[in-house]
Amino acid sequence: MASSTSLPAPQSQSKKPLGKMADWFRQTLLKKPKKMPVNPENYSSDDSQPASRDSHPAPYLNSVMSPNPPSTHMDTSSSSGRWSKAYDVCVCHSEEDLLVAQELVAYLESSTASLRCFLQLRDATPGGAIVSELCQALSSSHCRVLLITPGFLHDPWCKYQMLQALTEAPGAEGCTIPLLTGLTREAYPPELRFMYYVDGRGPNRGFHQVKEAVMRYLQTLG
């Protein structure tokens, strides 16, 4: 009887530790999902996402935030206005047509538009080299008016001015304006055959048409 009465005691004592262990395992299992992000594999996947985020937006940020594109845009907008150059018109003419050139310049400058004109014998720097002064005047003017006369065709300097004017802006339509005076259409320079010219036999000797052509071009500059 002593042995039978002593057996239940160990069983009752053994159930308590087992119950505690079951509770500990249960709590541990419940806590493991919360600790899953601590897994190094999860860290590697999280670290790779910022890397991909940094790698993709970088070109976009460079293209938007780089100082070069804004400065280029600002330079383009500031250089597109009328006042970005010293003159609106550079009148190219021969020496024997100086009087006609002066009358054309007076007409353009006295108009309501108050066009700024360059006349070589009036505006060139005293002592300056003729070639450099001419090239500077052409590059500093929005438009070039070629006063094409018999004297223009026989003057080597005038041909140089014509070619230089075409070189300055070969693809800009409307900035080079030929004014044909005292010549037939057959005498029109072949270098300018792809351009319409103003006929000097028209009203105001074509001065009004020249002014309107210059104004149209200046309006495209903004």
C-alpha atoms as a PDB file:
ATOM      1  CA  MET A   1       0.000   0.000   0.000  1.00  0.00           C
ATOM      2  CA  ALA A   2       2.858   2.371   0.699  1.00  0.00           C
ATOM      3  CA  SER A   3       4.107   1.968  -2.834  1.00  0.00           C
ATOM      4  CA  SER A   4       0.690   2.620  -4.321  1.00  0.00           C
ATOM      5  CA  THR A   5       0.166   5.736  -2.309  1.00  0.00           C
ATOM      6  CA  SER A   6       3.593   7.099  -3.195  1.00  0.00           C
ATOM      7  CA  LEU A   7       3.119   6.861  -6.983  1.00  0.00           C
ATOM      8  CA  PRO A   8       0.541   9.650  -7.502  1.00  0.00           C
ATOM      9  CA  ALA A   9       2.769  12.207  -5.857  1.00  0.00           C
ATOM     10  CA  PRO A  10       5.502  12.108  -8.514  1.00  0.00           C
ATOM     11  CA  GLN A  11       2.872  12.232 -11.305  1.00  0.00           C
ATOM     12  CA  SER A  12       1.244  15.337  -9.903  1.00  0.00           C
ATOM     13  CA  GLN A  13       4.645  16.979  -9.520  1.00  0.00           C
ATOM     14  CA  SER A  14       5.659  16.060 -13.093  1.00  0.00           C
ATOM     15  CA  LYS A  15       2.545  17.686 -14.599  1.00  0.00           C
ATOM     16  CA  LYS A  16       3.412  21.122 -13.320  1.00  0.00           C
ATOM     17  CA  PRO A  17       6.753  21.418 -15.111  1.00  0.00           C
ATOM     18  CA  LEU A  18       5.232  20.075 -18.300  1.00  0.00           C
ATOM     19  CA  GLY A  19       2.465  22.657 -18.159  1.00  0.00           C
ATOM     20  CA  LYS A  20       4.948  25.441 -17.643  1.00  0.00           C
ATOM     21  CA  MET A  21       7.079  24.235 -20.528  1.00  0.00           C
ATOM     22  CA  ALA A  22       4.033  24.067 -22.789  1.00  0.00           C
ATOM     23  CA  ASP A  23       3.136  27.624 -21.859  1.00  0.00           C
ATOM     24  CA  TRP A  24       6.731  28.777 -22.527  1.00  0.00           C
ATOM     25  CA  PHE A  25       6.789  27.113 -25.973  1.00  0.00           C
ATOM     26  CA  ARG A  26       3.373  28.599 -26.763  1.00  0.00           C
ATOM     27  CA  GLN A  27       4.537  32.097 -25.844  1.00  0.00           C
ATOM     28  CA  THR A  28       7.767  31.634 -27.750  1.00  0.00           C
ATOM     29  CA  LEU A  29       5.922  30.569 -30.875  1.00  0.00           C
ATOM     30  CA  LEU A  30       3.611  33.544 -30.578  1.00  0.00           C
ATOM     31  CA  LYS A  31       6.569  35.899 -30.285  1.00  0.00           C
ATOM     32  CA  LYS A  32       8.541  34.534 -33.279  1.00  0.00           C
ATOM     33  CA  PRO A  33       6.482  36.242 -36.032  1.00  0.00           C
ATOM     34  CA  LYS A  34       7.229  39.568 -34.397  1.00  0.00           C
ATOM     35  CA  LYS A  35      10.931  38.813 -34.523  1.00  0.00           C
ATOM     36  CA  MET A  36      10.941  37.689 -38.190  1.00  0.00           C
ATOM     37  CA  PRO A  37      12.116  41.114 -39.577  1.00  0.00           C
ATOM     38  CA  VAL A  38      15.298  40.586 -37.549  1.00  0.00           C
ATOM     39  CA  ASN A  39      16.221  37.847 -39.986  1.00  0.00           C
ATOM     40  CA  PRO A  40      19.376  38.859 -41.922  1.00  0.00           C
ATOM     41  CA  GLU A  41      17.665  37.868 -45.172  1.00  0.00           C
ATOM     42  CA  ASN A  42      15.022  40.476 -44.535  1.00  0.00           C
ATOM     43  CA  TYR A  43      17.717  43.048 -43.909  1.00  0.00           C
ATOM     44  CA  SER A  44      19.321  42.239 -47.247  1.00  0.00           C
ATOM     45  CA  SER A  45      16.015  42.646 -49.062  1.00  0.00           C
ATOM     46  CA  ASP A  46      15.308  45.924 -47.274  1.00  0.00           C
ATOM     47  CA  ASP A  47      18.771  47.206 -48.066  1.00  0.00           C
ATOM     48  CA  SER A  48      18.343  46.377 -51.733  1.00  0.00           C
ATOM     49  CA  GLN A  49      15.199  48.500 -52.009  1.00  0.00           C
ATOM     50  CA  PRO A  50      16.863  51.779 -51.045  1.00  0.00           C
ATOM     51  CA  ALA A  51      19.660  50.937 -53.481  1.00  0.00           C
ATOM     52  CA  SER A  52      17.177  50.501 -56.311  1.00  0.00           C
ATOM     53  CA  ARG A  53      15.318  53.635 -55.308  1.00  0.00           C
ATOM     54  CA  ASP A  54      18.539  55.604 -55.300  1.00  0.00           C
ATOM     55  CA  SER A  55      19.701  54.171 -58.619  1.00  0.00           C
ATOM     56  CA  HIS A  56      16.540  54.911 -60.628  1.00  0.00           C
ATOM     57  CA  PRO A  57      15.753  58.498 -59.590  1.00  0.00           C
ATOM     58  CA  ALA A  58      19.382  59.585 -59.908  1.00  0.00           C
ATOM     59  CA  PRO A  59      19.282  60.282 -63.673  1.00  0.00           C
ATOM     60  CA  TYR A  60      16.006  62.127 -63.248  1.00  0.00           C
ATOM     61  CA  LEU A  61      17.369  64.243 -60.442  1.00  0.00           C
ATOM     62  CA  ASN A  62      20.512  64.966 -62.425  1.00  0.00           C
ATOM     63  CA  SER A  63      18.495  66.068 -65.444  1.00  0.00           C
ATOM     64  CA  VAL A  64      16.188  68.243 -63.363  1.00  0.00           C
ATOM     65  CA  MET A  65      18.421  69.532 -60.630  1.00  0.00           C
ATOM     66  CA  SER A  66      21.705  69.793 -62.490  1.00  0.00           C
ATOM     67  CA  PRO A  67      22.786  73.435 -62.735  1.00  0.00           C
ATOM     68  CA  ASN A  68      23.581  73.114 -66.440  1.00  0.00           C
ATOM     69  CA  PRO A  69      20.065  72.724 -67.940  1.00  0.00           C
ATOM     70  CA  PRO A  70      18.569  75.658 -65.981  1.00  0.00           C
ATOM     71  CA  SER A  71      21.495  77.880 -66.902  1.00  0.00           C
ATOM     72  CA  THR A  72      21.132  76.840 -70.529  1.00  0.00           C
ATOM     73  CA  HIS A  73      17.456  77.627 -70.393  1.00  0.00           C
ATOM     74  CA  MET A  74      18.098  80.985 -68.789  1.00  0.00           C
ATOM     75  CA  ASP A  75      20.812  81.811 -71.306  1.00  0.00           C
ATOM     76  CA  THR A  76      18.496  80.876 -74.174  1.00  0.00           C
ATOM     77  CA  SER A  77      15.648  83.046 -72.850  1.00  0.00           C
ATOM     78  CA  SER A  78      17.895  86.017 -72.139  1.00  0.00           C
ATOM     79  CA  SER A  79      19.626  85.813 -75.540  1.00  0.00           C
ATOM     80  CA  SER A  80      16.391  85.484 -77.505  1.00  0.00           C
ATOM     81  CA  GLY A  81      15.196  89.031 -76.868  1.00  0.00           C
ATOM     82  CA  ARG A  82      15.648  92.034 -79.082  1.00  0.00           C
ATOM     83  CA  TRP A  83      17.983  93.736 -76.624  1.00  0.00           C
ATOM     84  CA  SER A  84      20.459  90.888 -76.535  1.00  0.00           C
ATOM     85  CA  LYS A  85      22.256  92.459 -79.516  1.00  0.00           C
ATOM     86  CA  ALA A  86      23.493  95.984 -80.035  1.00  0.00           C
ATOM     87  CA  TYR A  87      21.714  96.561 -83.365  1.00  0.00           C
ATOM     88  CA  ASP A  88      18.497  95.537 -85.048  1.00  0.00           C
ATOM     89  CA  VAL A  89      19.778  96.074 -88.595  1.00  0.00           C
ATOM     90  CA  CYS A  90      23.162  96.156 -90.277  1.00  0.00           C
ATOM     91  CA  VAL A  91      23.006  97.838 -93.695  1.00  0.00           C
ATOM     92  CA  CYS A  92      25.534  96.464 -96.172  1.00  0.00           C
ATOM     93  CA  HIS A  93      26.171  98.712 -99.170  1.00  0.00           C
ATOM     94  CA  SER A  94      28.820  99.919-101.574  1.00  0.00           C
ATOM     95  CA  GLU A  95      30.581 103.240-101.189  1.00  0.00           C
ATOM     96  CA  GLU A  96      28.805 104.741-104.191  1.00  0.00           C
ATOM     97  CA  ASP A  97      25.433 103.892-102.611  1.00  0.00           C
ATOM     98  CA  LEU A  98      26.172 105.645 -99.333  1.00  0.00           C
ATOM     99  CA  LEU A  99      23.461 108.258 -99.912  1.00  0.00           C
ATOM    100  CA  VAL A 100      20.757 105.620-100.468  1.00  0.00           C
ATOM    101  CA  ALA A 101      22.001 103.696 -97.434  1.00  0.00           C
ATOM    102  CA  GLN A 102      21.795 106.840 -95.303  1.00  0.00           C
ATOM    103  CA  GLU A 103      18.241 107.479 -96.463  1.00  0.00           C
ATOM    104  CA  LEU A 104      17.273 103.878 -95.635  1.00  0.00           C
ATOM    105  CA  VAL A 105      18.822 104.132 -92.180  1.00  0.00           C
ATOM    106  CA  ALA A 106      17.091 107.459 -91.529  1.00  0.00           C
ATOM    107  CA  TYR A 107      13.758 105.900 -92.527  1.00  0.00           C
ATOM    108  CA  LEU A 108      14.226 102.878 -90.249  1.00  0.00           C
ATOM    109  CA  GLU A 109      15.468 104.854 -87.272  1.00  0.00           C
ATOM    110  CA  SER A 110      12.730 107.514 -87.506  1.00  0.00           C
ATOM    111  CA  SER A 111       9.918 104.952 -87.698  1.00  0.00           C
ATOM    112  CA  THR A 112       7.701 104.235 -84.721  1.00  0.00           C
ATOM    113  CA  ALA A 113       9.731 101.090 -84.100  1.00  0.00           C
ATOM    114  CA  SER A 114      12.898 103.189 -83.608  1.00  0.00           C
ATOM    115  CA  LEU A 115      15.058 100.498 -85.164  1.00  0.00           C
ATOM    116  CA  ARG A 116      18.723 100.530 -84.198  1.00  0.00           C
ATOM    117  CA  CYS A 117      20.839 100.531 -87.344  1.00  0.00           C
ATOM    118  CA  PHE A 118      24.520 100.052 -88.017  1.00  0.00           C
ATOM    119  CA  LEU A 119      25.982 102.149 -90.821  1.00  0.00           C
ATOM    120  CA  GLN A 120      29.628 101.360 -91.346  1.00  0.00           C
ATOM    121  CA  LEU A 121      30.964 104.832 -92.123  1.00  0.00           C
ATOM    122  CA  ARG A 122      28.980 106.286 -89.228  1.00  0.00           C
ATOM    123  CA  ASP A 123      29.205 103.639 -86.492  1.00  0.00           C
ATOM    124  CA  ALA A 124      32.512 101.860 -87.078  1.00  0.00           C
ATOM    125  CA  THR A 125      35.217 102.442 -84.484  1.00  0.00           C
ATOM    126  CA  PRO A 126      37.832 104.904 -85.764  1.00  0.00           C
ATOM    127  CA  GLY A 127      41.109 103.110 -86.273  1.00  0.00           C
ATOM    128  CA  GLY A 128      39.472  99.693 -86.227  1.00  0.00           C
ATOM    129  CA  ALA A 129      40.260  97.127 -88.896  1.00  0.00           C
ATOM    130  CA  ILE A 130      37.643  97.082 -91.640  1.00  0.00           C
ATOM    131  CA  VAL A 131      37.242  93.300 -91.674  1.00  0.00           C
ATOM    132  CA  SER A 132      36.948  92.931 -87.907  1.00  0.00           C
ATOM    133  CA  GLU A 133      34.579  95.892 -87.657  1.00  0.00           C
ATOM    134  CA  LEU A 134      32.380  94.447 -90.375  1.00  0.00           C
ATOM    135  CA  CYS A 135      32.279  90.978 -88.846  1.00  0.00           C
ATOM    136  CA  GLN A 136      31.542  92.456 -85.427  1.00  0.00           C
ATOM    137  CA  ALA A 137      28.686  94.536 -86.854  1.00  0.00           C
ATOM    138  CA  LEU A 138      27.118  91.538 -88.575  1.00  0.00           C
ATOM    139  CA  SER A 139      27.290  89.346 -85.467  1.00  0.00           C
ATOM    140  CA  SER A 140      25.951  92.196 -83.294  1.00  0.00           C
ATOM    141  CA  SER A 141      22.866  92.743 -85.485  1.00  0.00           C
ATOM    142  CA  HIS A 142      19.681  90.727 -85.658  1.00  0.00           C
ATOM    143  CA  CYS A 143      19.031  91.482 -89.344  1.00  0.00           C
ATOM    144  CA  ARG A 144      21.190  92.333 -92.356  1.00  0.00           C
ATOM    145  CA  VAL A 145      19.921  94.438 -95.213  1.00  0.00           C
ATOM    146  CA  LEU A 146      21.864  93.963 -98.444  1.00  0.00           C
ATOM    147  CA  LEU A 147      21.482  97.055-100.636  1.00  0.00           C
ATOM    148  CA  ILE A 148      22.061  95.307-103.957  1.00  0.00           C
ATOM    149  CA  THR A 149      22.856  97.767-106.748  1.00  0.00           C
ATOM    150  CA  PRO A 150      25.223  97.744-109.749  1.00  0.00           C
ATOM    151  CA  GLY A 151      27.870  99.177-107.444  1.00  0.00           C
ATOM    152  CA  PHE A 152      27.238  96.378-104.918  1.00  0.00           C
ATOM    153  CA  LEU A 153      27.849  93.705-107.543  1.00  0.00           C
ATOM    154  CA  HIS A 154      31.141  95.245-108.665  1.00  0.00           C
ATOM    155  CA  ASP A 155      32.523  95.848-105.184  1.00  0.00           C
ATOM    156  CA  PRO A 156      34.582  92.926-103.775  1.00  0.00           C
ATOM    157  CA  TRP A 157      33.927  94.160-100.235  1.00  0.00           C
ATOM    158  CA  CYS A 158      30.198  94.002-100.810  1.00  0.00           C
ATOM    159  CA  LYS A 159      30.429  90.425-101.974  1.00  0.00           C
ATOM    160  CA  TYR A 160      32.428  89.658 -98.869  1.00  0.00           C
ATOM    161  CA  GLN A 161      29.702  91.282 -96.748  1.00  0.00           C
ATOM    162  CA  MET A 162      27.049  89.229 -98.512  1.00  0.00           C
ATOM    163  CA  LEU A 163      28.866  85.945 -97.973  1.00  0.00           C
ATOM    164  CA  GLN A 164      29.657  86.851 -94.372  1.00  0.00           C
ATOM    165  CA  ALA A 165      26.007  87.678 -93.720  1.00  0.00           C
ATOM    166  CA  LEU A 166      24.979  84.290 -95.087  1.00  0.00           C
ATOM    167  CA  THR A 167      27.620  82.610 -92.955  1.00  0.00           C
ATOM    168  CA  GLU A 168      26.445  84.311 -89.770  1.00  0.00           C
ATOM    169  CA  ALA A 169      22.957  82.809 -89.983  1.00  0.00           C
ATOM    170  CA  PRO A 170      22.686  80.271 -92.805  1.00  0.00           C
ATOM    171  CA  GLY A 171      19.475  78.685 -91.492  1.00  0.00           C
ATOM    172  CA  ALA A 172      17.700  81.715 -90.039  1.00  0.00           C
ATOM    173  CA  GLU A 173      14.895  82.766 -92.332  1.00  0.00           C
ATOM    174  CA  GLY A 174      14.103  86.457 -92.523  1.00  0.00           C
ATOM    175  CA  CYS A 175      17.247  87.847 -90.946  1.00  0.00           C
ATOM    176  CA  THR A 176      18.970  88.566 -94.294  1.00  0.00           C
ATOM    177  CA  ILE A 177      16.883  90.946 -96.420  1.00  0.00           C
ATOM    178  CA  PRO A 178      18.036  91.742 -99.987  1.00  0.00           C
ATOM    179  CA  LEU A 179      16.896  95.103-101.371  1.00  0.00           C
ATOM    180  CA  LEU A 180      17.283  95.083-105.149  1.00  0.00           C
ATOM    181  CA  THR A 181      17.669  98.595-106.580  1.00  0.00           C
ATOM    182  CA  GLY A 182      18.560  99.625-110.114  1.00  0.00           C
ATOM    183  CA  LEU A 183      18.906  96.027-111.338  1.00  0.00           C
ATOM    184  CA  THR A 184      16.817  93.555-113.260  1.00  0.00           C
ATOM    185  CA  ARG A 185      15.847  90.218-111.826  1.00  0.00           C
ATOM    186  CA  GLU A 186      18.380  88.485-114.045  1.00  0.00           C
ATOM    187  CA  ALA A 187      21.185  90.366-112.276  1.00  0.00           C
ATOM    188  CA  TYR A 188      20.137  89.076-108.862  1.00  0.00           C
ATOM    189  CA  PRO A 189      23.174  87.356-107.244  1.00  0.00           C
ATOM    190  CA  PRO A 190      23.019  83.567-107.597  1.00  0.00           C
ATOM    191  CA  GLU A 191      24.092  83.186-103.969  1.00  0.00           C
ATOM    192  CA  LEU A 192      20.744  84.698-102.958  1.00  0.00           C
ATOM    193  CA  ARG A 193      18.477  82.875-105.386  1.00  0.00           C
ATOM    194  CA  PHE A 194      16.884  80.918-102.537  1.00  0.00           C
ATOM    195  CA  MET A 195      15.767  84.197-100.885  1.00  0.00           C
ATOM    196  CA  TYR A 196      12.945  86.552-101.782  1.00  0.00           C
ATOM    197  CA  TYR A 197      14.088  90.117-102.294  1.00  0.00           C
ATOM    198  CA  VAL A 198      12.453  93.499-101.852  1.00  0.00           C
ATOM    199  CA  ASP A 199      11.960  95.360-105.130  1.00  0.00           C
ATOM    200  CA  GLY A 200      13.338  98.889-104.831  1.00  0.00           C
ATOM    201  CA  ARG A 201      10.979 100.049-107.571  1.00  0.00           C
ATOM    202  CA  GLY A 202       8.009  99.694-105.233  1.00  0.00           C
ATOM    203  CA  PRO A 203       6.464 102.351-102.951  1.00  0.00           C
ATOM    204  CA  ASN A 204       8.946 104.196-100.731  1.00  0.00           C
ATOM    205  CA  ARG A 205      11.696 102.502-102.782  1.00  0.00           C
ATOM    206  CA  GLY A 206      11.020  99.324-100.801  1.00  0.00           C
ATOM    207  CA  PHE A 207      11.958 100.930 -97.474  1.00  0.00           C
ATOM    208  CA  HIS A 208       8.567 100.160 -95.957  1.00  0.00           C
ATOM    209  CA  GLN A 209       8.818  96.493 -96.900  1.00  0.00           C
ATOM    210  CA  VAL A 210      12.276  96.309 -95.403  1.00  0.00           C
ATOM    211  CA  LYS A 211      11.005  97.766 -92.140  1.00  0.00           C
ATOM    212  CA  GLU A 212       8.092  95.334 -92.022  1.00  0.00           C
ATOM    213  CA  ALA A 213      10.427  92.402 -92.674  1.00  0.00           C
ATOM    214  CA  VAL A 214      12.733  93.491 -89.850  1.00  0.00           C
ATOM    215  CA  MET A 215       9.792  93.933 -87.479  1.00  0.00           C
ATOM    216  CA  ARG A 216       8.450  90.468 -88.293  1.00  0.00           C
ATOM    217  CA  TYR A 217      11.807  88.943 -87.514  1.00  0.00           C
ATOM    218  CA  LEU A 218      12.180  90.857 -84.255  1.00  0.00           C
ATOM    219  CA  GLN A 219       8.757  89.655 -83.159  1.00  0.00           C
ATOM    220  CA  THR A 220       9.949  86.066 -83.416  1.00  0.00           C
ATOM    221  CA  LEU A 221      12.631  86.814 -80.832  1.00  0.00           C
ATOM    222  CA  GLY A 222      10.100  87.431 -78.070  1.00  0.00           C
END
